[in-house]
Amino acid sequence: MKKLIECVPNFSEGRDLAVIKQITDTIEACEGVKLLDVDPGATTNRTVVTFVGEPDDVVEAAFQAVKKAQELIDMRHHKGDHPRFGATDVCPLVPISGISMEETAEYAKKLGQRLGDELGIPIYLYENAASEEKRRNLANCREGEYEGLKDRISSSDWKPDYGPSEFNESVSRSGATAVGARDFLIAVNFNLNTTSTRRANAVAFDVREKGRPKREGNSITGKPVLDENGEPVMIPGTLKGTKAIGWFIGEYGIAQVSMNITNLSETPLHVAFDEVSEKAQKRGLRVTGLEIVGLVPKKAIIDAGKYYLGKQGRSVGVTDAEIIKIAIKSMGLDDLKPFVPEEKIIEYVLAANDKSESLVDMSCRAFADETASESPAPGGGSISAYLGALGASLAAMVANLSSHKAGWDDRWEEFSDWAVKGQEIKEDLLRLVDEDTESFNMVMAAFGLPTGSDEEKAARTAAIQSATKYATEVPFRTMQRSFDAFEVIKAMAVEGNPNSVSDAGVGALCARSAVMGAYLNVKINASGLKDREFADSMVAQGAEIERRTIDAEAEIMQIVNAKIG
């Protein structure tokens, strides 16, 4: 698996778009990285940039971006509502795939040392790259902001990890930068129907993990209660893994609770939305919507959509597009500006940057035309997988129709569970549509390898056998997953909306053809394998699945025809 990390630098410039573009142009000029998102804020005077790539490429792009920001941004003149202490305020690295947090932290240290040594910027390592426990928290590193940096970097407790510890001319311009390695963080702003920063802060203190200082007497003006070490005693907030403050955003004319969710498993996005909404309501306020800064993982939006569908007593076994639409409307993600999933969900942004063609993204006509062309792929294996996907889709459709049937309201969750299972099978089979064609192309590529020497001939033979084995395994998985659809199809024929029983029957016919068609591909590909033990096992297992398929289809069709009468 390719190692991928994400970098999310925050630059202390959100108003001069020419400056922002020069910085992002620097990133785009670097080989091996993809610029995913640029999110400037005028009131905060801050821009959040997101790019992704392999570790060494990301480190190089981050270095060049910080260097450009150092040239263009003078912190002596910077004003904005967001806490900051440098031209590049923070520069976190986030593991995406194929790489551990420990490895990512090492890349963060490598980047931090280079920034300190070559650019003369004071660098503080934070989160998982921190050199000591108290520096894990970004707020501790940034305490006093730019205005307090002169005294801070020269102190023994807060000497930078890398770079100068004196406030020279260069540092007065650049400020300091926090470089770290962290989990995926969601930066969100909850829009309030007020202009009061104080009231927004009150809600933020209600919910953020750190909470608020405990006070004697009056909770606002009373003297803070101190512990035995002279530190303020805190009353914890209600949301774990969150940091939050309140502020007023002039460009929108409203106050917001600005929150970083640092642990989505502890505090999912929808849980944070509901909790902030409840605390706001208790203070006479209302959350009108949610603004996501930068990008968000697809799972966070899908989980939210399913949660709100469940609260409505509706099936969650629907398409991702429908689930995302519910999430957008439920949390007011389009309150301030349109929420475009293709631009805000990280998986969709990455997919948009992937220029490879996908069969399942074609129109029905284009897919049929491609199949009918002189090209041997897509062939029977891909068509079989698509037939299986159609069978599972029909089963999911009957389940969803049943969950909404008048008089069956108490059964919505039962049918929702069946619909979810049908959707999962459908998605797996759709992936197999393209994978089957890819496996065929791998076989053809292996046959095209050179044969000029004995070594090349041996390598070609090994590649052909490996590719053929894979081309046998793919249709076998199509057989297995298509057979799985019969469980859902039968349940819908027996228990589902009787008006849709014919759809369940067609689903059974599709699944049967999918299994039998895929089995033909298993047999023809297995015939070319030298590993006869593996080949014979595939064929024997396939024969058993085919036998059970014929029985299942016959049973379901008997039920369907009996109900049709």
Protein backbone atom coordinates (compact mmCIF):
# COMPACT_ATOMS: atom_id res chain seq x y z
CA MET A 1 0.00 0.00 0.00
CA LYS A 2 1.28 3.45 -0.91
CA LYS A 3 2.21 5.63 2.06
CA LEU A 4 0.12 8.79 2.10
CA ILE A 5 0.12 11.67 4.53
CA GLU A 6 -1.87 14.86 4.59
CA CYS A 7 -0.49 18.27 5.48
CA VAL A 8 -2.79 21.04 6.76
CA PRO A 9 -0.74 24.22 7.20
CA ASN A 10 -2.53 27.31 8.53
CA PHE A 11 -1.14 30.59 7.15
CA SER A 12 -1.72 33.92 8.88
CA GLU A 13 -3.22 35.58 5.83
CA GLY A 14 -6.88 35.30 4.84
CA ARG A 15 -7.57 38.57 3.06
CA ASP A 16 -4.95 39.08 0.37
CA LEU A 17 -5.81 36.41 -2.18
CA ALA A 18 -2.70 37.20 -4.23
CA VAL A 19 -0.49 36.27 -1.29
CA ILE A 20 -2.47 33.08 -0.67
CA LYS A 21 -2.19 32.11 -4.33
CA GLN A 22 1.58 32.57 -4.34
CA ILE A 23 1.83 30.16 -1.41
CA THR A 24 -0.50 27.56 -2.94
CA ASP A 25 1.25 27.89 -6.31
CA THR A 26 4.44 26.87 -4.52
CA ILE A 27 2.73 23.73 -3.24
CA GLU A 28 1.29 22.86 -6.65
CA ALA A 29 4.72 23.26 -8.25
CA CYS A 30 6.09 20.41 -6.10
CA GLU A 31 6.13 16.94 -7.62
CA GLY A 32 4.09 14.16 -6.04
CA VAL A 33 1.56 16.21 -4.04
CA LYS A 34 -2.06 17.14 -4.71
CA LEU A 35 -3.53 20.39 -3.45
CA LEU A 36 -6.97 19.45 -2.14
CA ASP A 37 -8.42 22.53 -0.49
CA VAL A 38 -7.77 26.23 0.18
CA ASP A 39 -10.07 27.81 2.78
CA PRO A 40 -9.38 31.52 3.53
CA GLY A 41 -11.16 33.47 6.29
CA ALA A 42 -11.22 37.27 6.23
CA THR A 43 -12.21 37.89 9.85
CA THR A 44 -9.76 35.34 11.22
CA ASN A 45 -7.18 36.53 8.65
CA ARG A 46 -6.11 32.94 8.27
CA THR A 47 -6.08 30.37 5.45
CA VAL A 48 -6.26 26.62 5.96
CA VAL A 49 -4.60 24.68 3.13
CA THR A 50 -4.82 20.92 2.62
CA PHE A 51 -2.58 18.81 0.41
CA VAL A 52 -1.67 15.13 0.28
CA GLY A 53 1.07 12.90 -1.10
CA GLU A 54 3.85 10.50 -0.20
CA PRO A 55 5.81 11.54 2.92
CA ASP A 56 9.03 12.90 1.38
CA ASP A 57 7.08 14.83 -1.25
CA VAL A 58 4.77 16.32 1.38
CA VAL A 59 7.69 17.37 3.57
CA GLU A 60 9.33 19.12 0.60
CA ALA A 61 6.10 20.89 -0.38
CA ALA A 62 5.50 21.97 3.22
CA PHE A 63 9.04 23.37 3.46
CA GLN A 64 8.61 25.38 0.26
CA ALA A 65 5.18 26.69 1.37
CA VAL A 66 6.53 27.81 4.77
CA LYS A 67 9.49 29.46 3.03
CA LYS A 68 7.16 31.38 0.71
CA ALA A 69 4.93 32.43 3.63
CA GLN A 70 8.03 33.69 5.46
CA GLU A 71 8.82 35.89 2.46
CA LEU A 72 5.30 37.28 2.05
CA ILE A 73 3.73 37.58 5.52
CA ASP A 74 4.99 40.09 8.11
CA MET A 75 3.62 39.18 11.53
CA ARG A 76 4.40 42.66 12.89
CA HIS A 77 1.32 43.91 11.06
CA HIS A 78 -0.98 40.90 11.43
CA LYS A 79 -4.39 41.22 13.06
CA GLY A 80 -7.08 38.54 13.16
CA ASP A 81 -9.57 36.86 15.45
CA HIS A 82 -7.88 33.45 15.49
CA PRO A 83 -5.04 32.70 17.94
CA ARG A 84 -1.68 32.72 16.08
CA PHE A 85 2.04 33.18 16.60
CA GLY A 86 3.56 32.82 13.16
CA ALA A 87 3.26 33.47 9.42
CA THR A 88 2.83 29.70 9.09
CA ASP A 89 1.06 29.26 12.39
CA VAL A 90 0.75 25.48 12.46
CA CYS A 91 1.88 22.77 10.08
CA PRO A 92 0.51 19.35 11.11
CA LEU A 93 1.11 16.07 9.27
CA VAL A 94 -1.72 13.51 9.32
CA PRO A 95 -1.33 9.80 8.45
CA ILE A 96 -3.84 8.82 5.75
CA SER A 97 -2.86 5.32 4.57
CA GLY A 98 0.02 2.85 4.75
CA ILE A 99 1.86 4.75 7.49
CA SER A 100 1.79 4.77 11.28
CA MET A 101 1.49 7.76 13.57
CA GLU A 102 4.99 7.05 14.87
CA GLU A 103 6.43 7.25 11.34
CA THR A 104 4.46 10.42 10.64
CA ALA A 105 5.87 11.99 13.80
CA GLU A 106 9.40 11.30 12.55
CA TYR A 107 8.61 13.12 9.31
CA ALA A 108 7.25 16.04 11.36
CA LYS A 109 10.52 16.22 13.30
CA LYS A 110 12.48 16.09 10.05
CA LEU A 111 10.41 18.96 8.67
CA GLY A 112 10.67 20.98 11.88
CA GLN A 113 14.45 20.64 12.05
CA ARG A 114 14.85 21.73 8.43
CA LEU A 115 12.58 24.77 8.95
CA GLY A 116 14.53 25.78 12.02
CA ASP A 117 18.00 25.20 10.56
CA GLU A 118 17.50 26.51 7.01
CA LEU A 119 14.88 29.25 7.47
CA GLY A 120 15.68 30.39 11.01
CA ILE A 121 12.10 30.01 12.24
CA PRO A 122 11.50 29.02 15.89
CA ILE A 123 9.82 25.61 15.75
CA TYR A 124 7.69 23.98 18.43
CA LEU A 125 6.87 20.28 18.02
CA TYR A 126 3.36 19.42 19.22
CA GLU A 127 0.82 16.58 19.47
CA ASN A 128 2.44 13.20 18.65
CA ALA A 129 5.75 14.80 17.64
CA ALA A 130 6.10 16.74 20.92
CA SER A 131 9.43 16.61 22.74
CA GLU A 132 7.75 16.76 26.16
CA GLU A 133 4.25 16.24 27.51
CA LYS A 134 3.37 19.90 28.10
CA ARG A 135 4.11 20.66 24.44
CA ARG A 136 1.59 18.13 23.11
CA ASN A 137 -1.17 20.72 23.49
CA LEU A 138 -1.02 23.37 20.77
CA ALA A 139 -2.61 25.96 23.05
CA ASN A 140 0.31 25.60 25.49
CA CYS A 141 2.84 26.11 22.71
CA ARG A 142 1.00 29.14 21.36
CA GLU A 143 0.18 30.77 24.73
CA GLY A 144 0.71 34.53 24.57
CA GLU A 145 0.49 34.36 20.76
CA TYR A 146 2.83 36.44 18.59
CA GLU A 147 2.80 39.35 21.03
CA GLY A 148 4.29 37.20 23.80
CA LEU A 149 6.81 35.38 21.60
CA LYS A 150 9.80 37.66 22.34
CA ASP A 151 9.92 36.69 26.01
CA ARG A 152 8.71 33.14 25.50
CA ILE A 153 11.39 31.84 23.10
CA SER A 154 14.19 33.09 25.33
CA SER A 155 12.80 31.37 28.45
CA SER A 156 14.26 28.08 29.65
CA ASP A 157 10.86 26.36 29.75
CA TRP A 158 9.75 27.35 26.26
CA LYS A 159 12.91 27.42 24.21
CA PRO A 160 11.99 26.25 20.67
CA ASP A 161 12.73 22.65 19.69
CA TYR A 162 14.51 23.91 16.57
CA GLY A 163 15.58 27.30 15.28
CA PRO A 164 16.61 30.50 17.07
CA SER A 165 15.73 31.32 20.66
CA GLU A 166 16.27 35.05 20.21
CA PHE A 167 13.78 37.53 18.82
CA ASN A 168 15.88 38.81 15.90
CA GLU A 169 14.74 40.75 12.84
CA SER A 170 13.84 37.59 10.90
CA VAL A 171 11.83 36.11 13.78
CA SER A 172 9.99 39.40 14.31
CA ARG A 173 8.68 39.01 10.75
CA SER A 174 8.03 35.26 10.64
CA GLY A 175 7.02 34.54 14.20
CA ALA A 176 7.11 30.87 15.24
CA THR A 177 5.58 27.72 13.76
CA ALA A 178 4.13 24.65 15.47
CA VAL A 179 4.92 21.44 13.55
CA GLY A 180 3.22 18.24 14.61
CA ALA A 181 1.77 14.85 13.81
CA ARG A 182 -1.86 14.30 14.72
CA ASP A 183 -4.96 12.33 13.92
CA PHE A 184 -7.46 13.67 11.43
CA LEU A 185 -8.95 16.80 12.98
CA ILE A 186 -12.20 18.42 11.98
CA ALA A 187 -12.33 22.19 12.32
CA VAL A 188 -15.95 23.30 12.60
CA ASN A 189 -17.82 26.50 13.42
CA PHE A 190 -21.33 26.43 14.87
CA ASN A 191 -23.35 29.40 13.62
CA LEU A 192 -25.39 31.14 16.33
CA ASN A 193 -28.35 33.51 16.04
CA THR A 194 -26.50 36.14 18.05
CA THR A 195 -23.75 38.70 17.65
CA SER A 196 -22.49 38.26 21.22
CA THR A 197 -18.99 36.85 21.55
CA ARG A 198 -19.49 36.49 25.31
CA ARG A 199 -22.54 34.27 24.84
CA ALA A 200 -20.76 32.23 22.17
CA ASN A 201 -17.85 31.74 24.58
CA ALA A 202 -20.25 30.62 27.30
CA VAL A 203 -21.54 27.84 25.02
CA ALA A 204 -17.97 26.94 24.02
CA PHE A 205 -16.97 26.60 27.68
CA ASP A 206 -20.06 24.45 28.33
CA VAL A 207 -18.98 21.84 25.80
CA ARG A 208 -15.19 21.90 25.31
CA GLU A 209 -13.28 19.17 27.14
CA LYS A 210 -11.21 21.68 29.13
CA GLY A 211 -14.38 23.39 30.33
CA ARG A 212 -14.27 26.64 32.33
CA PRO A 213 -12.52 27.87 35.51
CA LYS A 214 -14.40 27.24 38.74
CA ARG A 215 -15.16 30.51 40.53
CA GLU A 216 -16.18 31.56 44.00
CA GLY A 217 -19.71 32.93 44.20
CA ASN A 218 -20.66 34.48 40.87
CA SER A 219 -19.80 32.10 38.00
CA ILE A 220 -18.74 35.02 35.79
CA THR A 221 -17.14 37.65 38.02
CA GLY A 222 -16.18 35.52 41.00
CA LYS A 223 -12.57 34.88 41.98
CA PRO A 224 -11.08 31.72 40.32
CA VAL A 225 -10.66 28.73 42.62
CA LEU A 226 -7.05 27.51 42.70
CA ASP A 227 -5.69 24.05 43.53
CA GLU A 228 -2.76 23.27 45.85
CA ASN A 229 -0.33 24.13 43.04
CA GLY A 230 -1.92 27.49 42.40
CA GLU A 231 -3.49 26.35 39.12
CA PRO A 232 -7.15 27.16 38.32
CA VAL A 233 -9.63 24.40 39.10
CA MET A 234 -11.58 23.60 35.95
CA ILE A 235 -15.18 22.46 35.51
CA PRO A 236 -14.94 20.02 32.55
CA GLY A 237 -17.15 20.45 29.49
CA THR A 238 -19.37 17.74 28.05
CA LEU A 239 -17.52 16.81 24.84
CA LYS A 240 -14.35 14.74 25.00
CA GLY A 241 -11.60 15.41 22.46
CA THR A 242 -12.73 18.95 21.66
CA LYS A 243 -11.30 22.46 21.92
CA ALA A 244 -13.57 25.47 21.45
CA ILE A 245 -13.82 29.24 21.73
CA GLY A 246 -16.47 31.81 20.82
CA TRP A 247 -15.96 34.66 18.40
CA PHE A 248 -17.76 37.17 16.17
CA ILE A 249 -17.34 36.83 12.39
CA GLY A 250 -17.78 40.19 10.72
CA GLU A 251 -18.09 38.80 7.19
CA TYR A 252 -21.18 36.81 8.26
CA GLY A 253 -22.42 39.21 10.94
CA ILE A 254 -22.86 36.42 13.52
CA ALA A 255 -21.11 34.86 16.48
CA GLN A 256 -19.85 31.29 16.25
CA VAL A 257 -18.58 28.55 18.50
CA SER A 258 -15.32 27.57 16.80
CA MET A 259 -14.34 23.99 17.61
CA ASN A 260 -11.60 21.52 16.80
CA ILE A 261 -12.76 17.91 17.14
CA THR A 262 -9.53 16.03 17.76
CA ASN A 263 -11.05 12.60 18.41
CA LEU A 264 -13.96 11.63 16.18
CA SER A 265 -14.38 8.25 17.86
CA GLU A 266 -15.03 9.97 21.20
CA THR A 267 -17.07 12.84 19.77
CA PRO A 268 -18.67 12.21 16.36
CA LEU A 269 -19.66 15.30 14.37
CA HIS A 270 -23.40 14.82 14.90
CA VAL A 271 -22.95 14.36 18.64
CA ALA A 272 -21.06 17.66 18.80
CA PHE A 273 -23.80 19.39 16.76
CA ASP A 274 -26.61 18.15 18.99
CA GLU A 275 -24.72 18.97 22.19
CA VAL A 276 -23.82 22.51 21.12
CA SER A 277 -27.43 22.99 19.97
CA GLU A 278 -28.75 21.86 23.35
CA LYS A 279 -26.37 24.06 25.35
CA ALA A 280 -27.13 27.03 23.10
CA GLN A 281 -30.86 26.53 23.54
CA LYS A 282 -30.49 26.55 27.34
CA ARG A 283 -28.89 29.99 27.01
CA GLY A 284 -31.67 31.30 24.78
CA LEU A 285 -29.70 30.83 21.58
CA ARG A 286 -30.10 28.67 18.50
CA VAL A 287 -27.54 26.95 16.29
CA THR A 288 -28.57 27.83 12.74
CA GLY A 289 -25.97 25.73 10.99
CA LEU A 290 -22.53 24.24 10.90
CA GLU A 291 -19.52 25.42 8.88
CA ILE A 292 -16.74 22.92 8.14
CA VAL A 293 -13.31 24.48 7.66
CA GLY A 294 -11.15 22.54 5.23
CA LEU A 295 -11.98 18.92 4.51
CA VAL A 296 -13.92 16.26 6.37
CA PRO A 297 -13.73 12.45 6.27
CA LYS A 298 -16.64 10.82 4.49
CA LYS A 299 -17.38 8.61 7.50
CA ALA A 300 -18.13 11.65 9.69
CA ILE A 301 -20.83 12.86 7.27
CA ILE A 302 -22.23 9.37 6.60
CA ASP A 303 -22.45 8.61 10.33
CA ALA A 304 -24.29 11.89 10.86
CA GLY A 305 -26.73 11.24 8.02
CA LYS A 306 -27.52 7.75 9.32
CA TYR A 307 -28.01 9.12 12.83
CA TYR A 308 -30.57 11.69 11.67
CA LEU A 309 -32.33 9.18 9.41
CA GLY A 310 -32.62 6.87 12.41
CA LYS A 311 -34.12 9.67 14.51
CA GLN A 312 -36.76 10.07 11.78
CA GLY A 313 -37.51 6.32 11.82
CA ARG A 314 -36.31 6.01 8.23
CA SER A 315 -34.20 3.34 6.58
CA VAL A 316 -30.46 3.99 6.55
CA GLY A 317 -29.95 1.46 3.74
CA VAL A 318 -29.98 4.14 1.04
CA THR A 319 -27.27 5.57 -1.20
CA ASP A 320 -24.40 7.60 0.17
CA ALA A 321 -25.68 10.60 -1.80
CA GLU A 322 -29.04 10.46 0.00
CA ILE A 323 -27.39 10.00 3.39
CA ILE A 324 -25.07 12.96 2.77
CA LYS A 325 -28.03 15.12 1.72
CA ILE A 326 -29.76 14.34 5.03
CA ALA A 327 -26.59 15.21 6.95
CA ILE A 328 -26.28 18.54 5.12
CA LYS A 329 -29.87 19.55 5.87
CA SER A 330 -29.90 18.21 9.43
CA MET A 331 -26.80 20.15 10.51
CA GLY A 332 -27.26 23.18 8.26
CA LEU A 333 -23.98 22.64 6.46
CA ASP A 334 -25.25 24.93 3.70
CA ASP A 335 -26.32 27.71 6.10
CA LEU A 336 -23.62 30.21 5.10
CA LYS A 337 -22.59 28.88 1.69
CA PRO A 338 -23.24 25.77 -0.41
CA PHE A 339 -21.74 22.53 0.89
CA VAL A 340 -20.41 20.67 -2.15
CA PRO A 341 -19.48 17.08 -1.16
CA GLU A 342 -17.06 16.77 -4.08
CA GLU A 343 -15.14 19.76 -2.70
CA LYS A 344 -15.41 19.15 1.05
CA ILE A 345 -15.23 15.36 1.59
CA ILE A 346 -11.63 14.20 1.42
CA GLU A 347 -12.31 10.85 -0.29
CA TYR A 348 -14.28 12.58 -3.06
CA VAL A 349 -11.58 15.19 -3.57
CA LEU A 350 -8.94 12.46 -3.87
CA ALA A 351 -11.15 10.53 -6.30
CA ALA A 352 -11.63 13.65 -8.43
CA ASN A 353 -7.84 13.98 -8.68
CA ASP A 354 -7.59 10.35 -9.83
CA LYS A 355 -7.90 10.51 -13.60
CA SER A 356 -8.27 6.74 -14.13
CA GLU A 357 -11.53 5.70 -15.79
CA SER A 358 -14.03 3.55 -13.94
CA LEU A 359 -16.60 1.30 -15.59
CA VAL A 360 -19.17 1.81 -12.85
CA ASP A 361 -19.03 5.59 -13.32
CA MET A 362 -20.19 5.25 -16.94
CA SER A 363 -23.78 5.79 -18.01
CA CYS A 364 -25.81 2.65 -18.73
CA ARG A 365 -25.52 3.31 -22.46
CA ALA A 366 -21.78 3.97 -22.35
CA PHE A 367 -21.21 0.78 -20.36
CA ALA A 368 -23.27 -1.24 -22.86
CA ASP A 369 -21.45 0.37 -25.79
CA GLU A 370 -18.05 -0.36 -24.23
CA THR A 371 -19.08 -3.98 -23.66
CA ALA A 372 -20.24 -4.31 -27.26
CA SER A 373 -17.03 -2.86 -28.69
CA GLU A 374 -14.18 -4.89 -30.19
CA SER A 375 -12.27 -4.67 -26.90
CA PRO A 376 -12.34 -7.97 -24.93
CA ALA A 377 -12.91 -6.10 -21.66
CA PRO A 378 -15.26 -5.57 -19.95
CA GLY A 379 -16.30 -9.15 -20.49
CA GLY A 380 -18.38 -11.82 -18.83
CA GLY A 381 -16.73 -11.42 -15.43
CA SER A 382 -17.52 -7.71 -15.13
CA ILE A 383 -21.04 -8.25 -16.50
CA SER A 384 -21.62 -11.01 -13.94
CA ALA A 385 -20.54 -8.70 -11.10
CA TYR A 386 -22.87 -6.00 -12.40
CA LEU A 387 -25.77 -8.46 -12.58
CA GLY A 388 -25.10 -9.38 -8.96
CA ALA A 389 -25.07 -5.69 -8.01
CA LEU A 390 -28.45 -5.23 -9.71
CA GLY A 391 -29.87 -8.21 -7.82
CA ALA A 392 -28.70 -6.79 -4.49
CA SER A 393 -30.00 -3.34 -5.50
CA LEU A 394 -33.49 -4.71 -6.12
CA ALA A 395 -33.45 -6.42 -2.73
CA ALA A 396 -32.40 -3.16 -1.05
CA MET A 397 -35.15 -1.31 -2.93
CA VAL A 398 -37.83 -3.70 -1.66
CA ALA A 399 -36.46 -3.32 1.87
CA ASN A 400 -36.57 0.48 1.66
CA LEU A 401 -40.10 0.46 0.23
CA SER A 402 -41.16 -1.87 3.02
CA SER A 403 -39.65 0.36 5.71
CA HIS A 404 -41.89 3.22 4.49
CA LYS A 405 -45.06 1.16 4.00
CA ALA A 406 -48.07 2.66 5.76
CA GLY A 407 -49.00 0.65 8.82
CA TRP A 408 -45.53 -0.91 9.10
CA ASP A 409 -43.95 1.95 11.05
CA ASP A 410 -42.95 -0.34 13.90
CA ARG A 411 -40.92 -2.46 11.47
CA TRP A 412 -38.82 0.31 9.87
CA GLU A 413 -35.63 -0.75 11.67
CA GLU A 414 -36.05 -4.41 10.62
CA PHE A 415 -36.25 -3.44 6.96
CA SER A 416 -33.54 -0.79 7.37
CA ASP A 417 -31.14 -3.53 8.50
CA TRP A 418 -31.97 -5.60 5.40
CA ALA A 419 -31.51 -2.54 3.17
CA VAL A 420 -28.09 -1.85 4.68
CA LYS A 421 -27.04 -5.44 4.00
CA GLY A 422 -28.25 -5.16 0.40
CA GLN A 423 -26.38 -1.89 -0.09
CA GLU A 424 -23.14 -3.40 1.26
CA ILE A 425 -23.37 -6.35 -1.15
CA LYS A 426 -24.16 -3.99 -4.02
CA GLU A 427 -21.12 -1.81 -3.27
CA ASP A 428 -18.79 -4.82 -3.07
CA LEU A 429 -20.04 -6.15 -6.40
CA LEU A 430 -19.71 -2.77 -8.09
CA ARG A 431 -16.05 -2.71 -7.04
CA LEU A 432 -15.68 -6.17 -8.56
CA VAL A 433 -16.99 -4.89 -11.91
CA ASP A 434 -13.82 -2.84 -12.34
CA GLU A 435 -11.57 -5.29 -10.54
CA ASP A 436 -12.49 -8.08 -12.95
CA THR A 437 -11.50 -5.96 -15.94
CA GLU A 438 -8.31 -4.88 -14.16
CA SER A 439 -7.42 -8.54 -13.53
CA PHE A 440 -7.88 -9.32 -17.25
CA ASN A 441 -5.65 -6.39 -18.17
CA MET A 442 -2.99 -7.70 -15.80
CA VAL A 443 -3.03 -11.06 -17.62
CA MET A 444 -2.66 -9.31 -20.98
CA ALA A 445 0.20 -7.17 -19.63
CA ALA A 446 1.98 -10.30 -18.38
CA PHE A 447 1.72 -11.93 -21.82
CA GLY A 448 3.33 -8.80 -23.27
CA LEU A 449 6.51 -9.09 -21.19
CA PRO A 450 9.80 -9.63 -23.08
CA THR A 451 11.19 -13.13 -23.83
CA GLY A 452 14.69 -12.26 -25.01
CA SER A 453 16.55 -14.28 -22.37
CA ASP A 454 15.93 -17.27 -20.13
CA GLU A 455 15.57 -14.93 -17.17
CA GLU A 456 12.98 -12.83 -19.00
CA LYS A 457 11.10 -15.95 -20.07
CA ALA A 458 11.01 -17.21 -16.48
CA ALA A 459 9.84 -13.84 -15.21
CA ARG A 460 7.13 -13.71 -17.90
CA THR A 461 5.87 -17.20 -17.03
CA ALA A 462 5.74 -16.33 -13.32
CA ALA A 463 3.88 -13.07 -14.04
CA ILE A 464 1.33 -14.87 -16.25
CA GLN A 465 0.65 -17.46 -13.55
CA SER A 466 0.32 -14.82 -10.83
CA ALA A 467 -2.05 -12.69 -12.92
CA THR A 468 -4.11 -15.73 -13.95
CA LYS A 469 -4.46 -16.80 -10.32
CA TYR A 470 -5.73 -13.33 -9.45
CA ALA A 471 -8.09 -13.45 -12.46
CA THR A 472 -9.51 -16.68 -11.04
CA GLU A 473 -9.95 -15.29 -7.51
CA VAL A 474 -11.88 -12.20 -8.63
CA PRO A 475 -14.86 -13.99 -10.27
CA PHE A 476 -14.86 -16.46 -7.38
CA ARG A 477 -15.41 -13.51 -5.02
CA THR A 478 -18.19 -12.35 -7.36
CA MET A 479 -19.80 -15.77 -6.93
CA GLN A 480 -19.57 -15.56 -3.14
CA ARG A 481 -20.93 -12.02 -2.87
CA SER A 482 -23.73 -12.62 -5.39
CA PHE A 483 -24.80 -15.70 -3.46
CA ASP A 484 -24.90 -13.58 -0.29
CA ALA A 485 -27.62 -11.50 -1.96
CA PHE A 486 -30.04 -14.45 -1.83
CA GLU A 487 -30.46 -14.03 1.94
CA VAL A 488 -31.77 -10.48 1.49
CA ILE A 489 -33.78 -11.36 -1.62
CA LYS A 490 -35.53 -14.25 0.08
CA ALA A 491 -36.33 -12.16 3.16
CA MET A 492 -37.91 -9.53 0.93
CA ALA A 493 -39.90 -12.14 -1.03
CA VAL A 494 -41.27 -13.52 2.22
CA GLU A 495 -41.52 -10.47 4.50
CA GLY A 496 -41.32 -7.46 2.20
CA ASN A 497 -43.99 -5.26 0.69
CA PRO A 498 -46.18 -7.71 -1.29
CA ASN A 499 -46.64 -5.11 -4.03
CA SER A 500 -42.90 -5.40 -4.77
CA VAL A 501 -42.58 -9.19 -4.71
CA SER A 502 -41.94 -9.29 -8.47
CA ASP A 503 -38.90 -7.05 -7.92
CA ALA A 504 -37.55 -9.60 -5.46
CA GLY A 505 -38.06 -12.25 -8.14
CA VAL A 506 -36.09 -10.30 -10.71
CA GLY A 507 -33.39 -9.80 -8.09
CA ALA A 508 -33.16 -13.58 -7.66
CA LEU A 509 -32.83 -14.07 -11.43
CA CYS A 510 -30.02 -11.47 -11.55
CA ALA A 511 -28.15 -13.05 -8.65
CA ARG A 512 -28.48 -16.52 -10.20
CA SER A 513 -27.07 -15.33 -13.53
CA ALA A 514 -24.28 -13.50 -11.69
CA VAL A 515 -23.16 -16.64 -9.86
CA MET A 516 -23.35 -18.90 -12.90
CA GLY A 517 -21.68 -16.35 -15.18
CA ALA A 518 -18.85 -15.74 -12.72
CA TYR A 519 -18.38 -19.52 -12.38
CA LEU A 520 -17.73 -19.79 -16.12
CA ASN A 521 -14.90 -17.29 -15.66
CA VAL A 522 -13.51 -19.18 -12.66
CA LYS A 523 -13.37 -22.39 -14.72
CA ILE A 524 -11.82 -20.92 -17.85
CA ASN A 525 -9.14 -19.01 -15.92
CA ALA A 526 -8.38 -21.92 -13.59
CA SER A 527 -7.74 -24.13 -16.61
CA GLY A 528 -4.59 -22.16 -17.38
CA LEU A 529 -3.05 -22.53 -13.94
CA LYS A 530 -0.09 -24.81 -13.22
CA ASP A 531 -0.97 -24.86 -9.52
CA ARG A 532 -3.58 -27.60 -9.92
CA GLU A 533 -4.29 -27.89 -6.22
CA PHE A 534 -5.40 -24.26 -6.10
CA ALA A 535 -7.24 -24.48 -9.44
CA ASP A 536 -9.14 -27.65 -8.52
CA SER A 537 -10.12 -26.17 -5.16
CA MET A 538 -11.52 -23.05 -6.83
CA VAL A 539 -13.54 -25.11 -9.31
CA ALA A 540 -14.88 -27.46 -6.62
CA GLN A 541 -15.89 -24.64 -4.31
CA GLY A 542 -17.49 -22.83 -7.23
CA ALA A 543 -19.52 -25.91 -8.16
CA GLU A 544 -20.96 -26.06 -4.64
CA ILE A 545 -21.91 -22.35 -4.71
CA GLU A 546 -23.55 -22.86 -8.11
CA ARG A 547 -25.55 -25.83 -6.80
CA ARG A 548 -26.79 -23.87 -3.79
CA THR A 549 -27.59 -20.93 -6.04
CA ILE A 550 -29.86 -22.99 -8.29
CA ASP A 551 -31.72 -24.27 -5.24
CA ALA A 552 -32.06 -20.78 -3.72
CA GLU A 553 -33.33 -19.23 -6.93
CA ALA A 554 -35.90 -22.02 -7.41
CA GLU A 555 -37.18 -21.59 -3.84
CA ILE A 556 -37.51 -17.82 -4.16
CA MET A 557 -39.23 -18.00 -7.54
CA GLN A 558 -41.74 -20.48 -6.10
CA ILE A 559 -42.53 -17.98 -3.29
CA VAL A 560 -42.78 -15.08 -5.74
CA ASN A 561 -45.06 -16.87 -8.19
CA ALA A 562 -47.29 -18.10 -5.36
CA LYS A 563 -47.71 -14.52 -4.07
CA ILE A 564 -48.41 -13.17 -7.54
CA GLY A 565 -51.00 -15.92 -7.93
